[in-house]
C-alpha cells in the first residue's frame, strides 16, 4: 500500500496517514469481538542512488483501540538493503508486533523477528 509523500526530497520520503480500521478477534471458547481502531501511519525512507546503492526504510502503524480505550496495538518494520553488485543485494530486516492487552495473561506483548537475506533482481 502506498500513501502520498508528506515530505519528499531526492534522497528521502516521509509519509503520514491516518484512518480507521475494524478488527474482529475470535478467541477459543469466547464470542467474537469487533473493535474499532484508529490507524496512524508514520513511514520514512532514505535512499542512496550511487554505487553501492542503499535503501533504509522504517514504518510503524499504531492502532489505538476506540472500543476499549486503554488498548493499543502497533506494527513496526525496519529494513536496510545494500547493493553487492548490480542486481544482487544484502537485506537486513526487523519487525515487531506489539499488543498491550494480549489474549492471555501469560502471552508476551511483543512478537518480533529479524531476517538476513540475499536478494537478486532479474
PDB file of N, CA and C in Angstrom:
ATOM      1  N   UNK A   1       0.847  -1.162   0.000  1.00  0.00           N
ATOM      2  CA  UNK A   1       0.000   0.000   0.000  1.00  0.00           C
ATOM      3  C   UNK A   1       0.892   1.225   0.000  1.00  0.00           C
ATOM      4  N   UNK A   2       0.584   2.203  -0.792  1.00  0.00           N
ATOM      5  CA  UNK A   2       1.392   3.408  -0.873  1.00  0.00           C
ATOM      6  C   UNK A   2       0.546   4.629  -0.520  1.00  0.00           C
ATOM      7  N   UNK A   3       1.140   5.526   0.222  1.00  0.00           N
ATOM      8  CA  UNK A   3       0.471   6.753   0.621  1.00  0.00           C
ATOM      9  C   UNK A   3       1.233   7.929   0.038  1.00  0.00           C
ATOM     10  N   UNK A   4       0.565   9.048  -0.233  1.00  0.00           N
ATOM     11  CA  UNK A   4       1.270  10.214  -0.765  1.00  0.00           C
ATOM     12  C   UNK A   4       2.353  10.673   0.207  1.00  0.00           C
ATOM     13  N   UNK A   5       3.456  11.151  -0.342  1.00  0.00           N
ATOM     14  CA  UNK A   5       4.560  11.615   0.493  1.00  0.00           C
ATOM     15  C   UNK A   5       4.205  12.956   1.117  1.00  0.00           C
ATOM     16  N   UNK A   6       4.437  13.048   2.403  1.00  0.00           N
ATOM     17  CA  UNK A   6       4.221  14.290   3.131  1.00  0.00           C
ATOM     18  C   UNK A   6       5.399  15.225   2.900  1.00  0.00           C
ATOM     19  N   UNK A   7       6.588  14.652   2.864  1.00  0.00           N
ATOM     20  CA  UNK A   7       7.814  15.391   2.624  1.00  0.00           C
ATOM     21  C   UNK A   7       8.646  14.547   1.676  1.00  0.00           C
ATOM     22  N   UNK A   8       9.026  15.104   0.534  1.00  0.00           N
ATOM     23  CA  UNK A   8       9.727  14.340  -0.486  1.00  0.00           C
ATOM     24  C   UNK A   8      10.949  15.116  -0.947  1.00  0.00           C
ATOM     25  N   UNK A   9      12.115  14.485  -0.901  1.00  0.00           N
ATOM     26  CA  UNK A   9      13.330  15.067  -1.451  1.00  0.00           C
ATOM     27  C   UNK A   9      13.927  14.043  -2.410  1.00  0.00           C
ATOM     28  N   UNK A  10      15.078  14.375  -3.006  1.00  0.00           N
ATOM     29  CA  UNK A  10      15.736  13.433  -3.912  1.00  0.00           C
ATOM     30  C   UNK A  10      16.201  12.170  -3.196  1.00  0.00           C
ATOM     31  N   UNK A  11      16.474  12.286  -1.895  1.00  0.00           N
ATOM     32  CA  UNK A  11      17.058  11.165  -1.171  1.00  0.00           C
ATOM     33  C   UNK A  11      16.184  10.607  -0.058  1.00  0.00           C
ATOM     34  N   UNK A  12      15.039  11.205   0.203  1.00  0.00           N
ATOM     35  CA  UNK A  12      14.217  10.708   1.303  1.00  0.00           C
ATOM     36  C   UNK A  12      12.740  10.971   1.058  1.00  0.00           C
ATOM     37  N   UNK A  13      11.924  10.248   1.847  1.00  0.00           N
ATOM     38  CA  UNK A  13      10.470  10.398   1.736  1.00  0.00           C
ATOM     39  C   UNK A  13       9.876  10.158   3.122  1.00  0.00           C
ATOM     40  N   UNK A  14       9.004  11.061   3.543  1.00  0.00           N
ATOM     41  CA  UNK A  14       8.282  10.928   4.803  1.00  0.00           C
ATOM     42  C   UNK A  14       6.800  10.848   4.479  1.00  0.00           C
ATOM     43  N   UNK A  15       6.139   9.818   5.027  1.00  0.00           N
ATOM     44  CA  UNK A  15       4.707   9.653   4.791  1.00  0.00           C
ATOM     45  C   UNK A  15       3.980   9.569   6.126  1.00  0.00           C
ATOM     46  N   UNK A  16       2.863  10.256   6.208  1.00  0.00           N
ATOM     47  CA  UNK A  16       1.984  10.221   7.374  1.00  0.00           C
ATOM     48  C   UNK A  16       0.584   9.941   6.878  1.00  0.00           C
ATOM     49  N   UNK A  17      -0.156   9.124   7.577  1.00  0.00           N
ATOM     50  CA  UNK A  17      -1.529   8.816   7.176  1.00  0.00           C
ATOM     51  C   UNK A  17      -2.329   8.429   8.410  1.00  0.00           C
ATOM     52  N   UNK A  18      -3.622   8.542   8.297  1.00  0.00           N
ATOM     53  CA  UNK A  18      -4.498   8.159   9.396  1.00  0.00           C
ATOM     54  C   UNK A  18      -5.835   7.696   8.867  1.00  0.00           C
ATOM     55  N   UNK A  19      -6.539   6.947   9.678  1.00  0.00           N
ATOM     56  CA  UNK A  19      -7.848   6.456   9.291  1.00  0.00           C
ATOM     57  C   UNK A  19      -8.405   5.583  10.402  1.00  0.00           C
ATOM     58  N   UNK A  20      -9.353   4.738  10.035  1.00  0.00           N
ATOM     59  CA  UNK A  20      -9.982   3.840  10.995  1.00  0.00           C
ATOM     60  C   UNK A  20      -9.965   2.423  10.450  1.00  0.00           C
ATOM     61  N   UNK A  21      -9.970   1.463  11.361  1.00  0.00           N
ATOM     62  CA  UNK A  21      -9.976   0.046  10.988  1.00  0.00           C
ATOM     63  C   UNK A  21     -10.930  -0.691  11.913  1.00  0.00           C
ATOM     64  N   UNK A  22     -11.506  -1.772  11.402  1.00  0.00           N
ATOM     65  CA  UNK A  22     -12.341  -2.655  12.219  1.00  0.00           C
ATOM     66  C   UNK A  22     -11.568  -3.957  12.406  1.00  0.00           C
ATOM     67  N   UNK A  23     -11.461  -4.393  13.638  1.00  0.00           N
ATOM     68  CA  UNK A  23     -10.705  -5.580  13.989  1.00  0.00           C
ATOM     69  C   UNK A  23     -11.673  -6.615  14.558  1.00  0.00           C
ATOM     70  N   UNK A  24     -11.688  -7.815  14.005  1.00  0.00           N
ATOM     71  CA  UNK A  24     -12.528  -8.905  14.519  1.00  0.00           C
ATOM     72  C   UNK A  24     -11.618  -9.966  15.108  1.00  0.00           C
ATOM     73  N   UNK A  25     -11.780 -10.237  16.390  1.00  0.00           N
ATOM     74  CA  UNK A  25     -10.962 -11.224  17.087  1.00  0.00           C
ATOM     75  C   UNK A  25     -11.822 -12.397  17.518  1.00  0.00           C
ATOM     76  N   UNK A  26     -11.348 -13.594  17.228  1.00  0.00           N
ATOM     77  CA  UNK A  26     -12.032 -14.817  17.640  1.00  0.00           C
ATOM     78  C   UNK A  26     -11.109 -15.593  18.559  1.00  0.00           C
ATOM     79  N   UNK A  27     -11.444 -15.640  19.831  1.00  0.00           N
ATOM     80  CA  UNK A  27     -10.656 -16.368  20.814  1.00  0.00           C
ATOM     81  C   UNK A  27     -11.383 -17.653  21.173  1.00  0.00           C
ATOM     82  N   UNK A  28     -10.629 -18.710  21.372  1.00  0.00           N
ATOM     83  CA  UNK A  28     -11.205 -20.014  21.654  1.00  0.00           C
ATOM     84  C   UNK A  28     -12.080 -19.971  22.904  1.00  0.00           C
ATOM     85  N   UNK A  29     -13.307 -20.482  22.772  1.00  0.00           N
ATOM     86  CA  UNK A  29     -14.230 -20.545  23.899  1.00  0.00           C
ATOM     87  C   UNK A  29     -14.950 -19.243  24.211  1.00  0.00           C
ATOM     88  N   UNK A  30     -14.783 -18.215  23.363  1.00  0.00           N
ATOM     89  CA  UNK A  30     -15.439 -16.926  23.590  1.00  0.00           C
ATOM     90  C   UNK A  30     -16.133 -16.478  22.324  1.00  0.00           C
ATOM     91  N   UNK A  31     -17.110 -15.587  22.497  1.00  0.00           N
ATOM     92  CA  UNK A  31     -17.761 -14.990  21.336  1.00  0.00           C
ATOM     93  C   UNK A  31     -16.790 -14.027  20.653  1.00  0.00           C
ATOM     94  N   UNK A  32     -16.900 -13.890  19.321  1.00  0.00           N
ATOM     95  CA  UNK A  32     -16.017 -12.956  18.610  1.00  0.00           C
ATOM     96  C   UNK A  32     -16.246 -11.510  19.079  1.00  0.00           C
ATOM     97  N   UNK A  33     -15.165 -10.741  19.088  1.00  0.00           N
ATOM     98  CA  UNK A  33     -15.220  -9.315  19.415  1.00  0.00           C
ATOM     99  C   UNK A  33     -14.932  -8.509  18.166  1.00  0.00           C
ATOM    100  N   UNK A  34     -15.662  -7.431  17.968  1.00  0.00           N
ATOM    101  CA  UNK A  34     -15.354  -6.475  16.909  1.00  0.00           C
ATOM    102  C   UNK A  34     -14.996  -5.163  17.572  1.00  0.00           C
ATOM    103  N   UNK A  35     -13.838  -4.615  17.195  1.00  0.00           N
ATOM    104  CA  UNK A  35     -13.338  -3.389  17.767  1.00  0.00           C
ATOM    105  C   UNK A  35     -13.089  -2.369  16.672  1.00  0.00           C
ATOM    106  N   UNK A  36     -13.338  -1.125  16.979  1.00  0.00           N
ATOM    107  CA  UNK A  36     -12.998  -0.030  16.070  1.00  0.00           C
ATOM    108  C   UNK A  36     -11.684   0.558  16.560  1.00  0.00           C
ATOM    109  N   UNK A  37     -10.732   0.694  15.628  1.00  0.00           N
ATOM    110  CA  UNK A  37      -9.423   1.215  15.966  1.00  0.00           C
ATOM    111  C   UNK A  37      -9.076   2.377  15.042  1.00  0.00           C
ATOM    112  N   UNK A  38      -8.359   3.344  15.582  1.00  0.00           N
ATOM    113  CA  UNK A  38      -7.753   4.360  14.728  1.00  0.00           C
ATOM    114  C   UNK A  38      -6.518   3.715  14.100  1.00  0.00           C
ATOM    115  N   UNK A  39      -6.094   4.178  12.945  1.00  0.00           N
ATOM    116  CA  UNK A  39      -4.881   3.674  12.296  1.00  0.00           C
ATOM    117  C   UNK A  39      -4.019   4.888  11.963  1.00  0.00           C
ATOM    118  N   UNK A  40      -2.828   4.952  12.558  1.00  0.00           N
ATOM    119  CA  UNK A  40      -1.924   6.084  12.365  1.00  0.00           C
ATOM    120  C   UNK A  40      -0.591   5.571  11.835  1.00  0.00           C
ATOM    121  N   UNK A  41      -0.216   6.010  10.633  1.00  0.00           N
ATOM    122  CA  UNK A  41       0.994   5.548   9.966  1.00  0.00           C
ATOM    123  C   UNK A  41       2.062   6.626   9.986  1.00  0.00           C
ATOM    124  N   UNK A  42       3.302   6.206  10.281  1.00  0.00           N
ATOM    125  CA  UNK A  42       4.488   7.041  10.128  1.00  0.00           C
ATOM    126  C   UNK A  42       5.498   6.206   9.363  1.00  0.00           C
ATOM    127  N   UNK A  43       5.989   6.703   8.225  1.00  0.00           N
ATOM    128  CA  UNK A  43       6.965   5.950   7.430  1.00  0.00           C
ATOM    129  C   UNK A  43       8.037   6.900   6.909  1.00  0.00           C
ATOM    130  N   UNK A  44       9.277   6.443   6.965  1.00  0.00           N
ATOM    131  CA  UNK A  44      10.400   7.247   6.478  1.00  0.00           C
ATOM    132  C   UNK A  44      11.321   6.350   5.661  1.00  0.00           C
ATOM    133  N   UNK A  45      11.690   6.809   4.471  1.00  0.00           N
ATOM    134  CA  UNK A  45      12.587   6.081   3.579  1.00  0.00           C
ATOM    135  C   UNK A  45      13.770   6.979   3.239  1.00  0.00           C
ATOM    136  N   UNK A  46      14.965   6.393   3.235  1.00  0.00           N
ATOM    137  CA  UNK A  46      16.188   7.108   2.889  1.00  0.00           C
ATOM    138  C   UNK A  46      16.873   6.322   1.788  1.00  0.00           C
ATOM    139  N   UNK A  47      17.280   7.006   0.708  1.00  0.00           N
ATOM    140  CA  UNK A  47      17.840   6.341  -0.463  1.00  0.00           C
ATOM    141  C   UNK A  47      19.235   6.873  -0.775  1.00  0.00           C
ATOM    142  N   UNK A  48      20.064   5.999  -1.332  1.00  0.00           N
ATOM    143  CA  UNK A  48      21.361   6.398  -1.879  1.00  0.00           C
ATOM    144  C   UNK A  48      21.443   5.758  -3.251  1.00  0.00           C
ATOM    145  N   UNK A  49      21.563   6.578  -4.310  1.00  0.00           N
ATOM    146  CA  UNK A  49      21.490   6.071  -5.670  1.00  0.00           C
ATOM    147  C   UNK A  49      22.848   5.877  -6.332  1.00  0.00           C
ATOM    148  N   UNK A  50      23.940   6.204  -5.650  1.00  0.00           N
ATOM    149  CA  UNK A  50      25.267   5.944  -6.204  1.00  0.00           C
ATOM    150  C   UNK A  50      25.738   4.590  -5.696  1.00  0.00           C
ATOM    151  N   UNK A  51      26.649   3.964  -6.428  1.00  0.00           N
ATOM    152  CA  UNK A  51      27.122   2.633  -6.047  1.00  0.00           C
ATOM    153  C   UNK A  51      27.950   2.709  -4.775  1.00  0.00           C
ATOM    154  N   UNK A  52      27.770   1.858  -3.832  1.00  0.00           N
ATOM    155  CA  UNK A  52      26.710   0.861  -3.732  1.00  0.00           C
ATOM    156  C   UNK A  52      25.379   1.508  -3.314  1.00  0.00           C
ATOM    157  N   UNK A  53      24.325   1.195  -4.063  1.00  0.00           N
ATOM    158  CA  UNK A  53      23.006   1.726  -3.727  1.00  0.00           C
ATOM    159  C   UNK A  53      22.559   1.171  -2.383  1.00  0.00           C
ATOM    160  N   UNK A  54      21.913   2.037  -1.600  1.00  0.00           N
ATOM    161  CA  UNK A  54      21.481   1.664  -0.259  1.00  0.00           C
ATOM    162  C   UNK A  54      20.093   2.236  -0.007  1.00  0.00           C
ATOM    163  N   UNK A  55      19.218   1.431   0.582  1.00  0.00           N
ATOM    164  CA  UNK A  55      17.880   1.887   0.976  1.00  0.00           C
ATOM    165  C   UNK A  55      17.692   1.569   2.454  1.00  0.00           C
ATOM    166  N   UNK A  56      17.236   2.541   3.209  1.00  0.00           N
ATOM    167  CA  UNK A  56      16.886   2.358   4.603  1.00  0.00           C
ATOM    168  C   UNK A  56      15.418   2.745   4.740  1.00  0.00           C
ATOM    169  N   UNK A  57      14.606   1.832   5.241  1.00  0.00           N
ATOM    170  CA  UNK A  57      13.168   2.083   5.343  1.00  0.00           C
ATOM    171  C   UNK A  57      12.669   1.764   6.741  1.00  0.00           C
ATOM    172  N   UNK A  58      11.832   2.660   7.264  1.00  0.00           N
ATOM    173  CA  UNK A  58      11.220   2.459   8.572  1.00  0.00           C
ATOM    174  C   UNK A  58       9.738   2.803   8.452  1.00  0.00           C
ATOM    175  N   UNK A  59       8.889   1.958   9.016  1.00  0.00           N
ATOM    176  CA  UNK A  59       7.453   2.231   9.027  1.00  0.00           C
ATOM    177  C   UNK A  59       6.857   1.698  10.320  1.00  0.00           C
ATOM    178  N   UNK A  60       5.949   2.443  10.871  1.00  0.00           N
ATOM    179  CA  UNK A  60       5.222   1.976  12.043  1.00  0.00           C
ATOM    180  C   UNK A  60       3.770   2.417  11.927  1.00  0.00           C
ATOM    181  N   UNK A  61       2.878   1.538  12.360  1.00  0.00           N
ATOM    182  CA  UNK A  61       1.447   1.837  12.373  1.00  0.00           C
ATOM    183  C   UNK A  61       0.952   1.602  13.792  1.00  0.00           C
ATOM    184  N   UNK A  62       0.292   2.602  14.341  1.00  0.00           N
ATOM    185  CA  UNK A  62      -0.306   2.494  15.673  1.00  0.00           C
ATOM    186  C   UNK A  62      -1.806   2.299  15.509  1.00  0.00           C
ATOM    187  N   UNK A  63      -2.374   1.405  16.303  1.00  0.00           N
ATOM    188  CA  UNK A  63      -3.807   1.126  16.287  1.00  0.00           C
ATOM    189  C   UNK A  63      -4.382   1.345  17.686  1.00  0.00           C
ATOM    190  N   UNK A  64      -4.647   2.587  18.092  1.00  0.00           N
ATOM    191  CA  UNK A  64      -5.312   2.788  19.382  1.00  0.00           C
ATOM    192  C   UNK A  64      -6.757   2.301  19.281  1.00  0.00           C
ATOM    193  N   UNK A  65      -7.159   1.492  20.247  1.00  0.00           N
ATOM    194  CA  UNK A  65      -8.493   0.897  20.224  1.00  0.00           C
ATOM    195  C   UNK A  65      -9.518   1.920  20.690  1.00  0.00           C
ATOM    196  N   UNK A  66     -10.524   2.186  19.880  1.00  0.00           N
ATOM    197  CA  UNK A  66     -11.562   3.162  20.222  1.00  0.00           C
ATOM    198  C   UNK A  66     -12.682   2.499  21.030  1.00  0.00           C
ATOM    199  N   UNK A  67     -12.839   1.174  20.915  1.00  0.00           N
ATOM    200  CA  UNK A  67     -13.874   0.460  21.661  1.00  0.00           C
ATOM    201  C   UNK A  67     -13.411   0.219  23.095  1.00  0.00           C
ATOM    202  N   UNK A  68     -12.178  -0.262  23.254  1.00  0.00           N
ATOM    203  CA  UNK A  68     -11.568  -0.467  24.567  1.00  0.00           C
ATOM    204  C   UNK A  68     -10.453   0.575  24.687  1.00  0.00           C
ATOM    205  N   UNK A  69     -10.749   1.704  25.264  1.00  0.00           N
ATOM    206  CA  UNK A  69      -9.873   2.868  25.235  1.00  0.00           C
ATOM    207  C   UNK A  69      -8.435   2.682  25.680  1.00  0.00           C
ATOM    208  N   UNK A  70      -8.136   1.728  26.568  1.00  0.00           N
ATOM    209  CA  UNK A  70      -6.775   1.601  27.079  1.00  0.00           C
ATOM    210  C   UNK A  70      -5.906   0.643  26.266  1.00  0.00           C
ATOM    211  N   UNK A  71      -6.451   0.030  25.242  1.00  0.00           N
ATOM    212  CA  UNK A  71      -5.722  -0.989  24.480  1.00  0.00           C
ATOM    213  C   UNK A  71      -5.047  -0.371  23.258  1.00  0.00           C
ATOM    214  N   UNK A  72      -3.828  -0.839  22.961  1.00  0.00           N
ATOM    215  CA  UNK A  72      -3.062  -0.339  21.823  1.00  0.00           C
ATOM    216  C   UNK A  72      -2.358  -1.497  21.139  1.00  0.00           C
ATOM    217  N   UNK A  73      -2.425  -1.506  19.814  1.00  0.00           N
ATOM    218  CA  UNK A  73      -1.616  -2.424  19.005  1.00  0.00           C
ATOM    219  C   UNK A  73      -0.694  -1.573  18.152  1.00  0.00           C
ATOM    220  N   UNK A  74       0.456  -2.113  17.780  1.00  0.00           N
ATOM    221  CA  UNK A  74       1.389  -1.406  16.906  1.00  0.00           C
ATOM    222  C   UNK A  74       2.185  -2.411  16.090  1.00  0.00           C
ATOM    223  N   UNK A  75       2.556  -2.011  14.892  1.00  0.00           N
ATOM    224  CA  UNK A  75       3.392  -2.808  13.995  1.00  0.00           C
ATOM    225  C   UNK A  75       4.539  -1.912  13.540  1.00  0.00           C
ATOM    226  N   UNK A  76       5.772  -2.400  13.622  1.00  0.00           N
ATOM    227  CA  UNK A  76       6.934  -1.625  13.181  1.00  0.00           C
ATOM    228  C   UNK A  76       7.822  -2.493  12.304  1.00  0.00           C
ATOM    229  N   UNK A  77       8.382  -1.892  11.256  1.00  0.00           N
ATOM    230  CA  UNK A  77       9.274  -2.587  10.334  1.00  0.00           C
ATOM    231  C   UNK A  77      10.463  -1.686  10.024  1.00  0.00           C
ATOM    232  N   UNK A  78      11.649  -2.280  10.006  1.00  0.00           N
ATOM    233  CA  UNK A  78      12.882  -1.580   9.657  1.00  0.00           C
ATOM    234  C   UNK A  78      13.646  -2.464   8.694  1.00  0.00           C
ATOM    235  N   UNK A  79      14.108  -1.890   7.580  1.00  0.00           N
ATOM    236  CA  UNK A  79      14.890  -2.699   6.642  1.00  0.00           C
ATOM    237  C   UNK A  79      16.029  -1.876   6.041  1.00  0.00           C
ATOM    238  N   UNK A  80      17.116  -2.571   5.785  1.00  0.00           N
ATOM    239  CA  UNK A  80      18.288  -1.984   5.149  1.00  0.00           C
ATOM    240  C   UNK A  80      18.663  -2.870   3.973  1.00  0.00           C
ATOM    241  N   UNK A  81      18.718  -2.279   2.786  1.00  0.00           N
ATOM    242  CA  UNK A  81      19.126  -3.014   1.581  1.00  0.00           C
ATOM    243  C   UNK A  81      20.419  -2.393   1.073  1.00  0.00           C
ATOM    244  N   UNK A  82      21.440  -3.228   0.882  1.00  0.00           N
ATOM    245  CA  UNK A  82      22.766  -2.769   0.479  1.00  0.00           C
ATOM    246  C   UNK A  82      23.198  -3.532  -0.765  1.00  0.00           C
ATOM    247  N   UNK A  83      23.555  -2.808  -1.806  1.00  0.00           N
ATOM    248  CA  UNK A  83      23.922  -3.410  -3.086  1.00  0.00           C
ATOM    249  C   UNK A  83      25.316  -4.030  -3.031  1.00  0.00           C
ATOM    250  N   UNK A  84      25.386  -5.315  -3.398  1.00  0.00           N
ATOM    251  CA  UNK A  84      26.678  -6.006  -3.501  1.00  0.00           C
ATOM    252  C   UNK A  84      27.224  -5.843  -4.915  1.00  0.00           C
ATOM    253  N   UNK A  85      26.405  -6.203  -5.909  1.00  0.00           N
ATOM    254  CA  UNK A  85      26.706  -5.989  -7.327  1.00  0.00           C
ATOM    255  C   UNK A  85      25.449  -5.436  -7.973  1.00  0.00           C
ATOM    256  N   UNK A  86      25.475  -5.270  -9.285  1.00  0.00           N
ATOM    257  CA  UNK A  86      24.373  -4.613  -9.990  1.00  0.00           C
ATOM    258  C   UNK A  86      22.990  -5.146  -9.624  1.00  0.00           C
ATOM    259  N   UNK A  87      22.770  -6.434  -9.578  1.00  0.00           N
ATOM    260  CA  UNK A  87      21.443  -6.988  -9.301  1.00  0.00           C
ATOM    261  C   UNK A  87      21.387  -7.855  -8.048  1.00  0.00           C
ATOM    262  N   UNK A  88      22.405  -7.787  -7.197  1.00  0.00           N
ATOM    263  CA  UNK A  88      22.466  -8.614  -6.001  1.00  0.00           C
ATOM    264  C   UNK A  88      22.615  -7.722  -4.761  1.00  0.00           C
ATOM    265  N   UNK A  89      21.724  -7.916  -3.784  1.00  0.00           N
ATOM    266  CA  UNK A  89      21.700  -7.064  -2.590  1.00  0.00           C
ATOM    267  C   UNK A  89      21.671  -7.910  -1.320  1.00  0.00           C
ATOM    268  N   UNK A  90      22.271  -7.370  -0.253  1.00  0.00           N
ATOM    269  CA  UNK A  90      22.054  -7.868   1.100  1.00  0.00           C
ATOM    270  C   UNK A  90      20.842  -7.147   1.638  1.00  0.00           C
ATOM    271  N   UNK A  91      19.991  -7.846   2.364  1.00  0.00           N
ATOM    272  CA  UNK A  91      18.836  -7.217   3.001  1.00  0.00           C
ATOM    273  C   UNK A  91      18.805  -7.660   4.460  1.00  0.00           C
ATOM    274  N   UNK A  92      18.770  -6.684   5.348  1.00  0.00           N
ATOM    275  CA  UNK A  92      18.617  -6.927   6.772  1.00  0.00           C
ATOM    276  C   UNK A  92      17.304  -6.277   7.185  1.00  0.00           C
ATOM    277  N   UNK A  93      16.415  -7.042   7.784  1.00  0.00           N
ATOM    278  CA  UNK A  93      15.094  -6.526   8.148  1.00  0.00           C
ATOM    279  C   UNK A  93      14.727  -6.980   9.558  1.00  0.00           C
ATOM    280  N   UNK A  94      13.982  -6.132  10.234  1.00  0.00           N
ATOM    281  CA  UNK A  94      13.480  -6.457  11.571  1.00  0.00           C
ATOM    282  C   UNK A  94      12.046  -5.959  11.665  1.00  0.00           C
ATOM    283  N   UNK A  95      11.227  -6.704  12.402  1.00  0.00           N
ATOM    284  CA  UNK A  95       9.848  -6.269  12.601  1.00  0.00           C
ATOM    285  C   UNK A  95       9.415  -6.589  14.025  1.00  0.00           C
ATOM    286  N   UNK A  96       8.413  -5.846  14.484  1.00  0.00           N
ATOM    287  CA  UNK A  96       7.888  -6.034  15.832  1.00  0.00           C
ATOM    288  C   UNK A  96       6.386  -5.792  15.800  1.00  0.00           C
ATOM    289  N   UNK A  97       5.642  -6.676  16.447  1.00  0.00           N
ATOM    290  CA  UNK A  97       4.202  -6.501  16.657  1.00  0.00           C
ATOM    291  C   UNK A  97       3.993  -6.369  18.158  1.00  0.00           C
ATOM    292  N   UNK A  98       3.265  -5.341  18.558  1.00  0.00           N
ATOM    293  CA  UNK A  98       3.021  -5.073  19.972  1.00  0.00           C
ATOM    294  C   UNK A  98       1.524  -5.122  20.242  1.00  0.00           C
ATOM    295  N   UNK A  99       1.146  -5.724  21.356  1.00  0.00           N
ATOM    296  CA  UNK A  99      -0.249  -5.808  21.795  1.00  0.00           C
ATOM    297  C   UNK A  99      -0.269  -5.516  23.289  1.00  0.00           C
ATOM    298  N   UNK A 100      -0.880  -4.404  23.689  1.00  0.00           N
ATOM    299  CA  UNK A 100      -0.878  -4.036  25.107  1.00  0.00           C
ATOM    300  C   UNK A 100      -1.794  -4.932  25.941  1.00  0.00           C
ATOM    301  N   UNK A 101      -2.776  -5.579  25.305  1.00  0.00           N
ATOM    302  CA  UNK A 101      -3.688  -6.474  26.017  1.00  0.00           C
ATOM    303  C   UNK A 101      -3.767  -7.817  25.339  1.00  0.00           C
ATOM    304  N   UNK A 102      -2.726  -8.673  25.507  1.00  0.00           N
ATOM    305  CA  UNK A 102      -2.753  -9.974  24.825  1.00  0.00           C
ATOM    306  C   UNK A 102      -3.909 -10.850  25.308  1.00  0.00           C
ATOM    307  N   UNK A 103      -4.218 -11.879  24.534  1.00  0.00           N
ATOM    308  CA  UNK A 103      -5.375 -12.748  24.792  1.00  0.00           C
ATOM    309  C   UNK A 103      -5.305 -13.441  26.149  1.00  0.00           C
ATOM    310  N   UNK A 104      -4.112 -13.836  26.562  1.00  0.00           N
ATOM    311  CA  UNK A 104      -3.958 -14.495  27.864  1.00  0.00           C
ATOM    312  C   UNK A 104      -2.893 -13.765  28.677  1.00  0.00           C
ATOM    313  N   UNK A 105      -2.965 -13.908  29.981  1.00  0.00           N
ATOM    314  CA  UNK A 105      -2.038 -13.207  30.870  1.00  0.00           C
ATOM    315  C   UNK A 105      -0.590 -13.654  30.677  1.00  0.00           C
ATOM    316  N   UNK A 106      -0.376 -14.914  30.281  1.00  0.00           N
ATOM    317  CA  UNK A 106       0.990 -15.404  30.116  1.00  0.00           C
ATOM    318  C   UNK A 106       1.556 -15.156  28.715  1.00  0.00           C
ATOM    319  N   UNK A 107       0.761 -14.600  27.804  1.00  0.00           N
ATOM    320  CA  UNK A 107       1.238 -14.304  26.454  1.00  0.00           C
ATOM    321  C   UNK A 107       2.111 -13.048  26.473  1.00  0.00           C
ATOM    322  N   UNK A 108       3.127 -13.032  25.661  1.00  0.00           N
ATOM    323  CA  UNK A 108       4.002 -11.870  25.568  1.00  0.00           C
ATOM    324  C   UNK A 108       3.317 -10.712  24.852  1.00  0.00           C
ATOM    325  N   UNK A 109       3.792  -9.517  25.111  1.00  0.00           N
ATOM    326  CA  UNK A 109       3.236  -8.329  24.463  1.00  0.00           C
ATOM    327  C   UNK A 109       3.906  -8.039  23.122  1.00  0.00           C
ATOM    328  N   UNK A 110       5.113  -8.602  22.905  1.00  0.00           N
ATOM    329  CA  UNK A 110       5.844  -8.359  21.662  1.00  0.00           C
ATOM    330  C   UNK A 110       6.034  -9.663  20.903  1.00  0.00           C
ATOM    331  N   UNK A 111       5.964  -9.567  19.589  1.00  0.00           N
ATOM    332  CA  UNK A 111       6.282 -10.670  18.689  1.00  0.00           C
ATOM    333  C   UNK A 111       7.209 -10.061  17.645  1.00  0.00           C
ATOM    334  N   UNK A 112       8.464 -10.444  17.647  1.00  0.00           N
ATOM    335  CA  UNK A 112       9.424  -9.794  16.774  1.00  0.00           C
ATOM    336  C   UNK A 112      10.245 -10.815  15.987  1.00  0.00           C
ATOM    337  N   UNK A 113      10.888 -10.321  14.949  1.00  0.00           N
ATOM    338  CA  UNK A 113      11.725 -11.177  14.127  1.00  0.00           C
ATOM    339  C   UNK A 113      12.794 -10.373  13.418  1.00  0.00           C
ATOM    340  N   UNK A 114      13.871 -11.060  13.029  1.00  0.00           N
ATOM    341  CA  UNK A 114      14.980 -10.473  12.290  1.00  0.00           C
ATOM    342  C   UNK A 114      15.288 -11.391  11.120  1.00  0.00           C
ATOM    343  N   UNK A 115      15.593 -10.800   9.963  1.00  0.00           N
ATOM    344  CA  UNK A 115      15.867 -11.588   8.770  1.00  0.00           C
ATOM    345  C   UNK A 115      17.086 -11.018   8.048  1.00  0.00           C
ATOM    346  N   UNK A 116      17.979 -11.872   7.624  1.00  0.00           N
ATOM    347  CA  UNK A 116      19.109 -11.502   6.778  1.00  0.00           C
ATOM    348  C   UNK A 116      18.981 -12.327   5.509  1.00  0.00           C
ATOM    349  N   UNK A 117      19.017 -11.661   4.365  1.00  0.00           N
ATOM    350  CA  UNK A 117      18.817 -12.406   3.118  1.00  0.00           C
ATOM    351  C   UNK A 117      19.620 -11.797   1.970  1.00  0.00           C
ATOM    352  N   UNK A 118      19.710 -12.568   0.904  1.00  0.00           N
ATOM    353  CA  UNK A 118      20.245 -12.106  -0.367  1.00  0.00           C
ATOM    354  C   UNK A 118      19.073 -11.907  -1.313  1.00  0.00           C
ATOM    355  N   UNK A 119      19.071 -10.805  -2.026  1.00  0.00           N
ATOM    356  CA  UNK A 119      18.010 -10.526  -2.990  1.00  0.00           C
ATOM    357  C   UNK A 119      18.619 -10.348  -4.369  1.00  0.00           C
ATOM    358  N   UNK A 120      18.051 -11.027  -5.335  1.00  0.00           N
ATOM    359  CA  UNK A 120      18.527 -10.932  -6.701  1.00  0.00           C
ATOM    360  C   UNK A 120      17.398 -10.428  -7.581  1.00  0.00           C
ATOM    361  N   UNK A 121      17.652  -9.370  -8.325  1.00  0.00           N
ATOM    362  CA  UNK A 121      16.653  -8.817  -9.260  1.00  0.00           C
ATOM    363  C   UNK A 121      16.939  -9.342 -10.654  1.00  0.00           C
ATOM    364  N   UNK A 122      15.886  -9.766 -11.340  1.00  0.00           N
ATOM    365  CA  UNK A 122      16.050 -10.230 -12.716  1.00  0.00           C
ATOM    366  C   UNK A 122      14.943  -9.726 -13.582  1.00  0.00           C
TER     367      UNK A 122
END
